[in-house]
PDB file of all heavy atoms in Angstrom:
ATOM      1  N   ARG A   1     122.029  62.445  51.281  1.00  0.00           N
ATOM      2  CA  ARG A   1     121.318  63.722  51.143  1.00  0.00           C
ATOM      3  C   ARG A   1     122.280  64.865  50.818  1.00  0.00           C
ATOM      4  O   ARG A   1     121.875  65.885  50.249  1.00  0.00           O
ATOM      5  CB  ARG A   1     120.551  64.039  52.432  1.00  0.00           C
ATOM      6  CG  ARG A   1     119.329  63.159  52.637  1.00  0.00           C
ATOM      7  CD  ARG A   1     118.714  63.331  53.995  1.00  0.00           C
ATOM      8  NE  ARG A   1     119.597  62.836  55.054  1.00  0.00           N
ATOM      9  CZ  ARG A   1     119.201  62.644  56.310  1.00  0.00           C
ATOM     10  NH1 ARG A   1     117.940  62.897  56.651  1.00  0.00           N
ATOM     11  NH2 ARG A   1     120.047  62.195  57.210  1.00  0.00           N
ATOM     12  N   ARG A   2     123.563  64.687  51.152  1.00  0.00           N
ATOM     13  CA  ARG A   2     124.559  65.722  50.871  1.00  0.00           C
ATOM     14  C   ARG A   2     125.009  65.682  49.408  1.00  0.00           C
ATOM     15  O   ARG A   2     125.679  66.601  48.942  1.00  0.00           O
ATOM     16  CB  ARG A   2     125.775  65.546  51.786  1.00  0.00           C
ATOM     17  CG  ARG A   2     125.461  65.695  53.259  1.00  0.00           C
ATOM     18  CD  ARG A   2     126.698  65.566  54.122  1.00  0.00           C
ATOM     19  NE  ARG A   2     127.695  66.576  53.812  1.00  0.00           N
ATOM     20  CZ  ARG A   2     128.958  66.323  53.490  1.00  0.00           C
ATOM     21  NH1 ARG A   2     129.391  65.073  53.422  1.00  0.00           N
ATOM     22  NH2 ARG A   2     129.797  67.297  53.228  1.00  0.00           N
ATOM     23  N   PHE A   3     124.639  64.607  48.699  1.00  0.00           N
ATOM     24  CA  PHE A   3     125.115  64.437  47.329  1.00  0.00           C
ATOM     25  C   PHE A   3     123.956  64.035  46.416  1.00  0.00           C
ATOM     26  O   PHE A   3     123.910  62.919  45.888  1.00  0.00           O
ATOM     27  CB  PHE A   3     126.221  63.377  47.285  1.00  0.00           C
ATOM     28  CG  PHE A   3     127.362  63.658  48.211  1.00  0.00           C
ATOM     29  CD1 PHE A   3     127.428  63.031  49.457  1.00  0.00           C
ATOM     30  CD2 PHE A   3     128.360  64.561  47.864  1.00  0.00           C
ATOM     31  CE1 PHE A   3     128.478  63.295  50.325  1.00  0.00           C
ATOM     32  CE2 PHE A   3     129.406  64.838  48.733  1.00  0.00           C
ATOM     33  CZ  PHE A   3     129.462  64.213  49.966  1.00  0.00           C
ATOM     34  N   PRO A   4     122.991  64.952  46.211  1.00  0.00           N
ATOM     35  CA  PRO A   4     121.793  64.599  45.430  1.00  0.00           C
ATOM     36  C   PRO A   4     122.098  64.188  43.991  1.00  0.00           C
ATOM     37  O   PRO A   4     121.396  63.344  43.426  1.00  0.00           O
ATOM     38  CB  PRO A   4     120.948  65.878  45.476  1.00  0.00           C
ATOM     39  CG  PRO A   4     121.908  66.972  45.841  1.00  0.00           C
ATOM     40  CD  PRO A   4     122.946  66.335  46.706  1.00  0.00           C
ATOM     41  N   GLN A   5     123.138  64.754  43.405  1.00  0.00           N
ATOM     42  CA  GLN A   5     123.459  64.446  42.011  1.00  0.00           C
ATOM     43  C   GLN A   5     123.948  63.001  41.861  1.00  0.00           C
ATOM     44  O   GLN A   5     123.606  62.305  40.905  1.00  0.00           O
ATOM     45  CB  GLN A   5     124.532  65.415  41.499  1.00  0.00           C
ATOM     46  CG  GLN A   5     124.783  65.312  40.011  1.00  0.00           C
ATOM     47  CD  GLN A   5     125.752  66.373  39.514  1.00  0.00           C
ATOM     48  OE1 GLN A   5     126.002  67.373  40.185  1.00  0.00           O
ATOM     49  NE2 GLN A   5     126.298  66.163  38.325  1.00  0.00           N
ATOM     50  N   GLN A   6     124.741  62.544  42.823  1.00  0.00           N
ATOM     51  CA  GLN A   6     125.309  61.197  42.730  1.00  0.00           C
ATOM     52  C   GLN A   6     124.419  60.134  43.389  1.00  0.00           C
ATOM     53  O   GLN A   6     124.634  58.929  43.204  1.00  0.00           O
ATOM     54  CB  GLN A   6     126.687  61.161  43.397  1.00  0.00           C
ATOM     55  CG  GLN A   6     127.752  61.974  42.689  1.00  0.00           C
ATOM     56  CD  GLN A   6     127.762  63.448  43.099  1.00  0.00           C
ATOM     57  OE1 GLN A   6     126.990  63.856  43.977  1.00  0.00           O
ATOM     58  NE2 GLN A   6     128.619  64.236  42.481  1.00  0.00           N
ATOM     59  N   ARG A   7     123.425  60.582  44.134  1.00  0.00           N
ATOM     60  CA  ARG A   7     122.615  59.645  44.931  1.00  0.00           C
ATOM     61  C   ARG A   7     121.986  58.517  44.110  1.00  0.00           C
ATOM     62  O   ARG A   7     122.079  57.341  44.515  1.00  0.00           O
ATOM     63  CB  ARG A   7     121.542  60.421  45.690  1.00  0.00           C
ATOM     64  CG  ARG A   7     120.634  59.525  46.522  1.00  0.00           C
ATOM     65  CD  ARG A   7     119.734  60.323  47.432  1.00  0.00           C
ATOM     66  NE  ARG A   7     118.938  59.432  48.273  1.00  0.00           N
ATOM     67  CZ  ARG A   7     118.409  59.772  49.438  1.00  0.00           C
ATOM     68  NH1 ARG A   7     118.572  61.004  49.909  1.00  0.00           N
ATOM     69  NH2 ARG A   7     117.693  58.903  50.131  1.00  0.00           N
ATOM     70  N   PRO A   8     121.337  58.807  42.969  1.00  0.00           N
ATOM     71  CA  PRO A   8     120.694  57.710  42.230  1.00  0.00           C
ATOM     72  C   PRO A   8     121.663  56.597  41.829  1.00  0.00           C
ATOM     73  O   PRO A   8     121.331  55.416  41.935  1.00  0.00           O
ATOM     74  CB  PRO A   8     120.109  58.412  41.001  1.00  0.00           C
ATOM     75  CG  PRO A   8     119.927  59.837  41.421  1.00  0.00           C
ATOM     76  CD  PRO A   8     121.085  60.114  42.338  1.00  0.00           C
ATOM     77  N   ASP A   9     122.864  56.976  41.386  1.00  0.00           N
ATOM     78  CA  ASP A   9     123.839  55.968  40.965  1.00  0.00           C
ATOM     79  C   ASP A   9     124.292  55.110  42.145  1.00  0.00           C
ATOM     80  O   ASP A   9     124.471  53.891  42.000  1.00  0.00           O
ATOM     81  CB  ASP A   9     125.058  56.639  40.313  1.00  0.00           C
ATOM     82  CG  ASP A   9     124.732  57.237  38.957  1.00  0.00           C
ATOM     83  OD1 ASP A   9     123.761  56.762  38.326  1.00  0.00           O
ATOM     84  OD2 ASP A   9     125.430  58.172  38.529  1.00  0.00           O
ATOM     85  N   VAL A  10     124.488  55.736  43.298  1.00  0.00           N
ATOM     86  CA  VAL A  10     124.914  54.976  44.472  1.00  0.00           C
ATOM     87  C   VAL A  10     123.799  54.034  44.929  1.00  0.00           C
ATOM     88  O   VAL A  10     124.043  52.855  45.233  1.00  0.00           O
ATOM     89  CB  VAL A  10     125.324  55.923  45.623  1.00  0.00           C
ATOM     90  CG1 VAL A  10     125.646  55.122  46.884  1.00  0.00           C
ATOM     91  CG2 VAL A  10     126.523  56.776  45.221  1.00  0.00           C
ATOM     92  N   GLU A  11     122.569  54.547  44.962  1.00  0.00           N
ATOM     93  CA  GLU A  11     121.454  53.736  45.450  1.00  0.00           C
ATOM     94  C   GLU A  11     121.244  52.468  44.616  1.00  0.00           C
ATOM     95  O   GLU A  11     120.835  51.431  45.144  1.00  0.00           O
ATOM     96  CB  GLU A  11     120.166  54.564  45.481  1.00  0.00           C
ATOM     97  CG  GLU A  11     120.108  55.540  46.650  1.00  0.00           C
ATOM     98  CD  GLU A  11     118.733  56.171  46.817  1.00  0.00           C
ATOM     99  OE1 GLU A  11     117.995  56.237  45.813  1.00  0.00           O
ATOM    100  OE2 GLU A  11     118.411  56.590  47.947  1.00  0.00           O
ATOM    101  N   LYS A  12     121.556  52.549  43.333  1.00  0.00           N
ATOM    102  CA  LYS A  12     121.408  51.370  42.463  1.00  0.00           C
ATOM    103  C   LYS A  12     122.316  50.221  42.903  1.00  0.00           C
ATOM    104  O   LYS A  12     121.995  49.054  42.693  1.00  0.00           O
ATOM    105  CB  LYS A  12     121.757  51.744  41.011  1.00  0.00           C
ATOM    106  CG  LYS A  12     120.713  52.576  40.305  1.00  0.00           C
ATOM    107  CD  LYS A  12     121.213  52.922  38.900  1.00  0.00           C
ATOM    108  CE  LYS A  12     120.329  53.975  38.262  1.00  0.00           C
ATOM    109  NZ  LYS A  12     120.901  54.455  36.969  1.00  0.00           N
ATOM    110  N   GLN A  13     123.451  50.568  43.498  1.00  0.00           N
ATOM    111  CA  GLN A  13     124.441  49.555  43.864  1.00  0.00           C
ATOM    112  C   GLN A  13     124.196  48.944  45.246  1.00  0.00           C
ATOM    113  O   GLN A  13     124.818  47.935  45.606  1.00  0.00           O
ATOM    114  CB  GLN A  13     125.854  50.177  43.845  1.00  0.00           C
ATOM    115  CG  GLN A  13     126.241  50.834  42.528  1.00  0.00           C
ATOM    116  CD  GLN A  13     126.218  49.857  41.367  1.00  0.00           C
ATOM    117  OE1 GLN A  13     126.507  48.667  41.529  1.00  0.00           O
ATOM    118  NE2 GLN A  13     125.838  50.348  40.191  1.00  0.00           N
ATOM    119  N   ILE A  14     123.300  49.555  46.023  1.00  0.00           N
ATOM    120  CA  ILE A  14     123.151  49.147  47.419  1.00  0.00           C
ATOM    121  C   ILE A  14     122.485  47.785  47.611  1.00  0.00           C
ATOM    122  O   ILE A  14     122.972  46.975  48.425  1.00  0.00           O
ATOM    123  CB  ILE A  14     122.401  50.244  48.215  1.00  0.00           C
ATOM    124  CG1 ILE A  14     123.292  51.488  48.350  1.00  0.00           C
ATOM    125  CG2 ILE A  14     121.985  49.726  49.595  1.00  0.00           C
ATOM    126  CD1 ILE A  14     122.606  52.670  48.999  1.00  0.00           C
ATOM    127  N   PRO A  15     121.378  47.457  46.921  1.00  0.00           N
ATOM    128  CA  PRO A  15     120.641  46.221  47.260  1.00  0.00           C
ATOM    129  C   PRO A  15     121.485  44.945  47.302  1.00  0.00           C
ATOM    130  O   PRO A  15     121.416  44.210  48.302  1.00  0.00           O
ATOM    131  CB  PRO A  15     119.551  46.165  46.185  1.00  0.00           C
ATOM    132  CG  PRO A  15     119.302  47.606  45.854  1.00  0.00           C
ATOM    133  CD  PRO A  15     120.655  48.252  45.910  1.00  0.00           C
ATOM    134  N   PRO A  16     122.308  44.635  46.286  1.00  0.00           N
ATOM    135  CA  PRO A  16     123.080  43.382  46.386  1.00  0.00           C
ATOM    136  C   PRO A  16     124.124  43.411  47.505  1.00  0.00           C
ATOM    137  O   PRO A  16     124.391  42.376  48.133  1.00  0.00           O
ATOM    138  CB  PRO A  16     123.755  43.260  45.008  1.00  0.00           C
ATOM    139  CG  PRO A  16     123.735  44.633  44.439  1.00  0.00           C
ATOM    140  CD  PRO A  16     122.504  45.282  44.976  1.00  0.00           C
ATOM    141  N   LEU A  17     124.689  44.583  47.776  1.00  0.00           N
ATOM    142  CA  LEU A  17     125.678  44.707  48.854  1.00  0.00           C
ATOM    143  C   LEU A  17     125.008  44.565  50.215  1.00  0.00           C
ATOM    144  O   LEU A  17     125.567  43.973  51.142  1.00  0.00           O
ATOM    145  CB  LEU A  17     126.410  46.048  48.751  1.00  0.00           C
ATOM    146  CG  LEU A  17     127.299  46.227  47.518  1.00  0.00           C
ATOM    147  CD1 LEU A  17     127.798  47.665  47.421  1.00  0.00           C
ATOM    148  CD2 LEU A  17     128.475  45.259  47.563  1.00  0.00           C
ATOM    149  N   GLU A  18     123.779  45.101  50.311  1.00  0.00           N
ATOM    150  CA  GLU A  18     123.018  44.978  51.566  1.00  0.00           C
ATOM    151  C   GLU A  18     122.615  43.515  51.793  1.00  0.00           C
ATOM    152  O   GLU A  18     122.730  42.992  52.912  1.00  0.00           O
ATOM    153  CB  GLU A  18     121.780  45.878  51.503  1.00  0.00           C
ATOM    154  CG  GLU A  18     121.056  46.042  52.818  1.00  0.00           C
ATOM    155  CD  GLU A  18     119.938  47.066  52.719  1.00  0.00           C
ATOM    156  OE1 GLU A  18     119.394  47.269  51.613  1.00  0.00           O
ATOM    157  OE2 GLU A  18     119.607  47.663  53.758  1.00  0.00           O
ATOM    158  N   LYS A  19     122.191  42.849  50.724  1.00  0.00           N
ATOM    159  CA  LYS A  19     121.788  41.447  50.821  1.00  0.00           C
ATOM    160  C   LYS A  19     122.964  40.565  51.239  1.00  0.00           C
ATOM    161  O   LYS A  19     122.799  39.599  51.998  1.00  0.00           O
ATOM    162  CB  LYS A  19     121.233  40.986  49.475  1.00  0.00           C
ATOM    163  CG  LYS A  19     120.651  39.584  49.516  1.00  0.00           C
ATOM    164  CD  LYS A  19     120.025  39.208  48.187  1.00  0.00           C
ATOM    165  CE  LYS A  19     119.436  37.798  48.235  1.00  0.00           C
ATOM    166  NZ  LYS A  19     118.843  37.414  46.925  1.00  0.00           N
ATOM    167  N   ALA A  20     124.164  40.916  50.772  1.00  0.00           N
ATOM    168  CA  ALA A  20     125.367  40.140  51.098  1.00  0.00           C
ATOM    169  C   ALA A  20     125.884  40.424  52.505  1.00  0.00           C
ATOM    170  O   ALA A  20     126.802  39.760  52.974  1.00  0.00           O
ATOM    171  CB  ALA A  20     126.468  40.429  50.078  1.00  0.00           C
ATOM    172  N   GLY A  21     125.308  41.437  53.176  1.00  0.00           N
ATOM    173  CA  GLY A  21     125.714  41.755  54.540  1.00  0.00           C
ATOM    174  C   GLY A  21     126.885  42.706  54.637  1.00  0.00           C
ATOM    175  O   GLY A  21     127.487  42.859  55.707  1.00  0.00           O
ATOM    176  N   TYR A  22     127.210  43.391  53.523  1.00  0.00           N
ATOM    177  CA  TYR A  22     128.364  44.281  53.509  1.00  0.00           C
ATOM    178  C   TYR A  22     128.021  45.726  53.872  1.00  0.00           C
ATOM    179  O   TYR A  22     128.899  46.476  54.296  1.00  0.00           O
ATOM    180  CB  TYR A  22     129.031  44.273  52.133  1.00  0.00           C
ATOM    181  CG  TYR A  22     129.670  42.955  51.768  1.00  0.00           C
ATOM    182  CD1 TYR A  22     129.625  42.476  50.465  1.00  0.00           C
ATOM    183  CD2 TYR A  22     130.320  42.171  52.725  1.00  0.00           C
ATOM    184  CE1 TYR A  22     130.210  41.262  50.117  1.00  0.00           C
ATOM    185  CE2 TYR A  22     130.909  40.957  52.399  1.00  0.00           C
ATOM    186  CZ  TYR A  22     130.849  40.513  51.090  1.00  0.00           C
ATOM    187  OH  TYR A  22     131.432  39.315  50.757  1.00  0.00           O
ATOM    188  N   VAL A  23     126.766  46.136  53.651  1.00  0.00           N
ATOM    189  CA  VAL A  23     126.379  47.514  53.959  1.00  0.00           C
ATOM    190  C   VAL A  23     125.028  47.533  54.669  1.00  0.00           C
ATOM    191  O   VAL A  23     124.246  46.576  54.600  1.00  0.00           O
ATOM    192  CB  VAL A  23     126.300  48.408  52.684  1.00  0.00           C
ATOM    193  CG1 VAL A  23     127.613  48.396  51.918  1.00  0.00           C
ATOM    194  CG2 VAL A  23     125.139  48.006  51.788  1.00  0.00           C
ATOM    195  N   ARG A  24     124.795  48.667  55.348  1.00  0.00           N
ATOM    196  CA  ARG A  24     123.483  48.972  55.906  1.00  0.00           C
ATOM    197  C   ARG A  24     122.975  50.219  55.197  1.00  0.00           C
ATOM    198  O   ARG A  24     123.762  51.107  54.834  1.00  0.00           O
ATOM    199  CB  ARG A  24     123.564  49.253  57.404  1.00  0.00           C
ATOM    200  CG  ARG A  24     124.124  48.129  58.254  1.00  0.00           C
ATOM    201  CD  ARG A  24     124.047  48.501  59.735  1.00  0.00           C
ATOM    202  NE  ARG A  24     124.671  47.496  60.588  1.00  0.00           N
ATOM    203  CZ  ARG A  24     125.935  47.550  61.011  1.00  0.00           C
ATOM    204  NH1 ARG A  24     126.706  48.584  60.644  1.00  0.00           N
ATOM    205  NH2 ARG A  24     126.428  46.610  61.775  1.00  0.00           N
ATOM    206  N   PHE A  25     121.650  50.334  55.038  1.00  0.00           N
ATOM    207  CA  PHE A  25     121.074  51.522  54.392  1.00  0.00           C
ATOM    208  C   PHE A  25     119.751  51.832  55.062  1.00  0.00           C
ATOM    209  O   PHE A  25     118.858  50.985  55.127  1.00  0.00           O
ATOM    210  CB  PHE A  25     120.874  51.272  52.896  1.00  0.00           C
ATOM    211  CG  PHE A  25     120.410  52.481  52.134  1.00  0.00           C
ATOM    212  CD1 PHE A  25     121.084  53.698  52.229  1.00  0.00           C
ATOM    213  CD2 PHE A  25     119.287  52.412  51.325  1.00  0.00           C
ATOM    214  CE1 PHE A  25     120.656  54.821  51.519  1.00  0.00           C
ATOM    215  CE2 PHE A  25     118.851  53.525  50.606  1.00  0.00           C
ATOM    216  CZ  PHE A  25     119.540  54.725  50.706  1.00  0.00           C
ATOM    217  N   ASP A  26     119.647  53.058  55.603  1.00  0.00           N
ATOM    218  CA  ASP A  26     118.411  53.437  56.304  1.00  0.00           C
ATOM    219  C   ASP A  26     117.501  54.310  55.452  1.00  0.00           C
ATOM    220  O   ASP A  26     116.544  54.893  55.958  1.00  0.00           O
ATOM    221  CB  ASP A  26     118.752  54.141  57.622  1.00  0.00           C
ATOM    222  CG  ASP A  26     119.410  55.516  57.417  1.00  0.00           C
ATOM    223  OD1 ASP A  26     119.584  55.946  56.254  1.00  0.00           O
ATOM    224  OD2 ASP A  26     119.744  56.158  58.434  1.00  0.00           O
ATOM    225  N   GLY A  27     117.802  54.393  54.170  1.00  0.00           N
ATOM    226  CA  GLY A  27     117.022  55.246  53.279  1.00  0.00           C
ATOM    227  C   GLY A  27     117.745  56.525  52.913  1.00  0.00           C
ATOM    228  O   GLY A  27     117.439  57.148  51.883  1.00  0.00           O
ATOM    229  N   ASN A  28     118.699  56.928  53.748  1.00  0.00           N
ATOM    230  CA  ASN A  28     119.501  58.124  53.473  1.00  0.00           C
ATOM    231  C   ASN A  28     120.996  57.882  53.642  1.00  0.00           C
ATOM    232  O   ASN A  28     121.801  58.390  52.872  1.00  0.00           O
ATOM    233  CB  ASN A  28     119.071  59.278  54.389  1.00  0.00           C
ATOM    234  CG  ASN A  28     117.717  59.832  54.039  1.00  0.00           C
ATOM    235  OD1 ASN A  28     117.459  60.191  52.892  1.00  0.00           O
ATOM    236  ND2 ASN A  28     116.825  59.891  55.022  1.00  0.00           N
ATOM    237  N   VAL A  29     121.346  57.120  54.663  1.00  0.00           N
ATOM    238  CA  VAL A  29     122.757  56.916  54.991  1.00  0.00           C
ATOM    239  C   VAL A  29     123.149  55.477  54.688  1.00  0.00           C
ATOM    240  O   VAL A  29     122.496  54.536  55.157  1.00  0.00           O
ATOM    241  CB  VAL A  29     123.039  57.238  56.477  1.00  0.00           C
ATOM    242  CG1 VAL A  29     124.508  56.966  56.811  1.00  0.00           C
ATOM    243  CG2 VAL A  29     122.691  58.702  56.781  1.00  0.00           C
ATOM    244  N   VAL A  30     124.233  55.314  53.911  1.00  0.00           N
ATOM    245  CA  VAL A  30     124.775  53.991  53.651  1.00  0.00           C
ATOM    246  C   VAL A  30     126.069  53.854  54.439  1.00  0.00           C
ATOM    247  O   VAL A  30     126.894  54.762  54.484  1.00  0.00           O
ATOM    248  CB  VAL A  30     125.014  53.756  52.143  1.00  0.00           C
ATOM    249  CG1 VAL A  30     125.957  54.783  51.536  1.00  0.00           C
ATOM    250  CG2 VAL A  30     125.546  52.348  51.892  1.00  0.00           C
ATOM    251  N   SER A  31     126.231  52.719  55.123  1.00  0.00           N
ATOM    252  CA  SER A  31     127.431  52.497  55.932  1.00  0.00           C
ATOM    253  C   SER A  31     127.850  51.043  55.798  1.00  0.00           C
ATOM    254  O   SER A  31     127.031  50.163  55.503  1.00  0.00           O
ATOM    255  CB  SER A  31     127.183  52.853  57.390  1.00  0.00           C
ATOM    256  OG  SER A  31     126.119  52.074  57.922  1.00  0.00           O
ATOM    257  N   LEU A  32     129.127  50.790  56.026  1.00  0.00           N
ATOM    258  CA  LEU A  32     129.657  49.438  55.933  1.00  0.00           C
ATOM    259  C   LEU A  32     129.484  48.708  57.262  1.00  0.00           C
ATOM    260  O   LEU A  32     129.594  49.305  58.332  1.00  0.00           O
ATOM    261  CB  LEU A  32     131.132  49.456  55.535  1.00  0.00           C
ATOM    262  CG  LEU A  32     131.436  49.468  54.030  1.00  0.00           C
ATOM    263  CD1 LEU A  32     130.913  50.744  53.374  1.00  0.00           C
ATOM    264  CD2 LEU A  32     132.935  49.331  53.771  1.00  0.00           C
ATOM    265  N   THR A  33     129.239  47.422  57.172  1.00  0.00           N
ATOM    266  CA  THR A  33     129.194  46.556  58.341  1.00  0.00           C
ATOM    267  C   THR A  33     130.627  46.089  58.637  1.00  0.00           C
ATOM    268  O   THR A  33     131.525  46.281  57.815  1.00  0.00           O
ATOM    269  CB  THR A  33     128.328  45.316  58.056  1.00  0.00           C
ATOM    270  OG1 THR A  33     128.955  44.559  57.010  1.00  0.00           O
ATOM    271  CG2 THR A  33     126.910  45.720  57.631  1.00  0.00           C
ATOM    272  N   PRO A  34     130.874  45.457  59.786  1.00  0.00           N
ATOM    273  CA  PRO A  34     132.209  44.890  60.015  1.00  0.00           C
ATOM    274  C   PRO A  34     132.648  43.943  58.894  1.00  0.00           C
ATOM    275  O   PRO A  34     133.810  43.946  58.475  1.00  0.00           O
ATOM    276  CB  PRO A  34     132.050  44.159  61.349  1.00  0.00           C
ATOM    277  CG  PRO A  34     131.017  44.956  62.070  1.00  0.00           C
ATOM    278  CD  PRO A  34     130.035  45.372  60.999  1.00  0.00           C
TER     279      PRO A  34
END
């Protein structure tokens, strides 16, 4: 939410990383897992 201009590009990359267990995404905040 702090970076609306870059948000769409980042969100595109999240699904495969989330599926692989590398990141979590709650709809606004993306964070890395251990």
